[in-house]
Amino acid sequence: GSCWHRCCPGRNNACWAPSTRRARCYCDSYCERTGDCCEDYHAVCRHAAVGCTVGPWGPWSRCSSPCGVGSKARSRQVTVPPRHGGEPCPDLKQRRGCLGEHPTCGTAK
C-alpha cells in the first residue's frame, strides 16, 4: 500500500506518496479534511482522527473593576477531546475589556 508504515497523526506534509494518478496523496489525518488521502488511507489507519469538540461559551463574568476600566472573562469546556491526531482544541477562555458602572461610582467622584 502507498501509506503502509507512513500514516501520520495530525497535519504532516512529509507523509505523502505518489497516487495512482501520479499526483501526491497524503497519509496524515488532515487529508480527510482536504480530500487528498491516499487510496489505502482508511485500511492502513484503522483509527479515524477525532477532532476536539467544545461546548458553548459560558456567561461573561462581572467587570473586574466596579468603577473604571477592567476586564470580563468567560470560558467553555471540552466535550470531546482530540484523538488519533485529530484537530486540537480551540481557546477555552476569552477576556474582553469593560467599564465598571456601579451606581456608587458617580458619588465616589
Protein backbone atom coordinates (compact mmCIF):
# COMPACT_ATOMS: atom_id res chain seq x y z
CA GLY A 1 0.00 0.00 0.00
CA SER A 2 1.10 3.55 -0.62
CA CYS A 3 0.64 4.63 3.01
CA TRP A 4 1.91 1.47 4.68
CA HIS A 5 4.02 2.49 7.71
CA ARG A 6 3.63 6.16 6.75
CA CYS A 7 0.36 7.03 8.45
CA CYS A 8 0.97 10.19 10.49
CA PRO A 9 -1.19 11.88 13.13
CA GLY A 10 -2.28 15.48 12.67
CA ARG A 11 -1.13 17.57 9.73
CA ASN A 12 2.19 16.32 8.38
CA ASN A 13 3.19 17.18 4.81
CA ALA A 14 6.07 14.69 4.97
CA CYS A 15 3.58 11.78 4.96
CA TRP A 16 2.79 11.56 1.26
CA ALA A 17 3.13 9.04 -1.54
CA PRO A 18 2.54 9.09 -5.30
CA SER A 19 -1.06 8.22 -6.09
CA THR A 20 -2.25 6.05 -8.95
CA ARG A 21 -2.75 9.27 -10.94
CA ARG A 22 0.89 10.28 -10.34
CA ALA A 23 -0.16 13.14 -8.05
CA ARG A 24 0.72 13.41 -4.38
CA CYS A 25 -1.68 11.86 -1.93
CA TYR A 26 -1.26 12.38 1.80
CA CYS A 27 -1.24 9.87 4.63
CA ASP A 28 -1.86 12.20 7.58
CA SER A 29 -5.15 12.53 9.42
CA TYR A 30 -5.62 16.02 7.95
CA CYS A 31 -6.07 14.52 4.48
CA GLU A 32 -9.70 13.70 5.31
CA ARG A 33 -10.46 17.39 5.66
CA THR A 34 -8.61 18.37 2.48
CA GLY A 35 -9.80 15.36 0.46
CA ASP A 36 -6.33 14.28 -0.73
CA CYS A 37 -5.92 10.97 1.14
CA CYS A 38 -4.13 8.01 -0.40
CA GLU A 39 -6.41 5.24 -1.62
CA ASP A 40 -5.40 2.90 1.20
CA TYR A 41 -5.54 5.50 3.97
CA HIS A 42 -8.62 4.06 5.71
CA ALA A 43 -7.31 0.49 5.52
CA VAL A 44 -3.90 1.45 6.91
CA CYS A 45 -5.17 3.94 9.50
CA ARG A 46 -7.92 1.96 11.20
CA HIS A 47 -8.48 4.70 13.79
CA ALA A 48 -10.09 7.74 12.25
CA ALA A 49 -8.95 11.06 13.63
CA VAL A 50 -11.40 12.70 16.03
CA GLY A 51 -11.19 16.46 16.33
CA CYS A 52 -11.79 18.33 19.56
CA THR A 53 -15.34 19.40 20.29
CA VAL A 54 -16.15 22.15 22.77
CA GLY A 55 -19.37 23.22 24.43
CA PRO A 56 -20.97 26.67 24.28
CA TRP A 57 -19.43 29.72 25.89
CA GLY A 58 -20.49 30.35 29.47
CA PRO A 59 -21.71 33.76 30.63
CA TRP A 60 -19.35 36.72 30.95
CA SER A 61 -18.13 37.42 34.46
CA ARG A 62 -18.73 40.75 36.15
CA CYS A 63 -16.33 43.55 35.35
CA SER A 64 -13.21 43.20 37.48
CA SER A 65 -13.41 46.89 38.35
CA PRO A 66 -16.66 48.26 39.82
CA CYS A 67 -15.64 51.76 38.70
CA GLY A 68 -13.45 52.39 35.68
CA VAL A 69 -11.58 50.17 33.25
CA GLY A 70 -11.49 46.43 33.98
CA SER A 71 -11.99 43.12 32.22
CA LYS A 72 -14.55 40.34 31.90
CA ALA A 73 -13.89 36.66 31.23
CA ARG A 74 -15.81 33.63 30.04
CA SER A 75 -14.94 30.00 29.38
CA ARG A 76 -16.15 26.80 27.79
CA GLN A 77 -15.48 23.12 28.36
CA VAL A 78 -14.09 20.35 26.17
CA THR A 79 -16.87 17.86 25.40
CA VAL A 80 -14.83 15.51 23.18
CA PRO A 81 -11.02 15.54 23.47
CA PRO A 82 -8.98 15.08 20.28
CA ARG A 83 -7.86 11.53 19.48
CA HIS A 84 -5.67 9.85 16.89
CA GLY A 85 -4.15 13.09 15.62
CA GLY A 86 -7.44 14.99 15.31
CA GLU A 87 -7.74 18.77 15.37
CA PRO A 88 -6.57 20.27 18.69
CA CYS A 89 -8.94 22.20 20.93
CA PRO A 90 -9.56 25.90 20.29
CA ASP A 91 -9.19 28.51 23.04
CA LEU A 92 -11.25 27.69 26.10
CA LYS A 93 -11.08 31.15 27.71
CA GLN A 94 -11.80 34.66 26.45
CA ARG A 95 -11.25 38.07 28.00
CA ARG A 96 -12.54 41.47 26.99
CA GLY A 97 -12.37 44.97 28.35
CA CYS A 98 -15.20 46.59 30.25
CA LEU A 99 -16.05 49.77 32.10
CA GLY A 100 -17.39 49.31 35.61
CA GLU A 101 -20.51 51.42 36.15
CA HIS A 102 -21.65 50.53 39.63
CA PRO A 103 -24.27 53.04 40.97
CA THR A 104 -21.87 54.21 43.69
CA CYS A 105 -19.21 55.23 41.16
CA GLY A 106 -20.77 58.64 40.47
CA THR A 107 -20.98 59.55 44.12
CA ALA A 108 -17.41 58.42 44.81
CA LYS A 109 -16.10 61.08 42.44
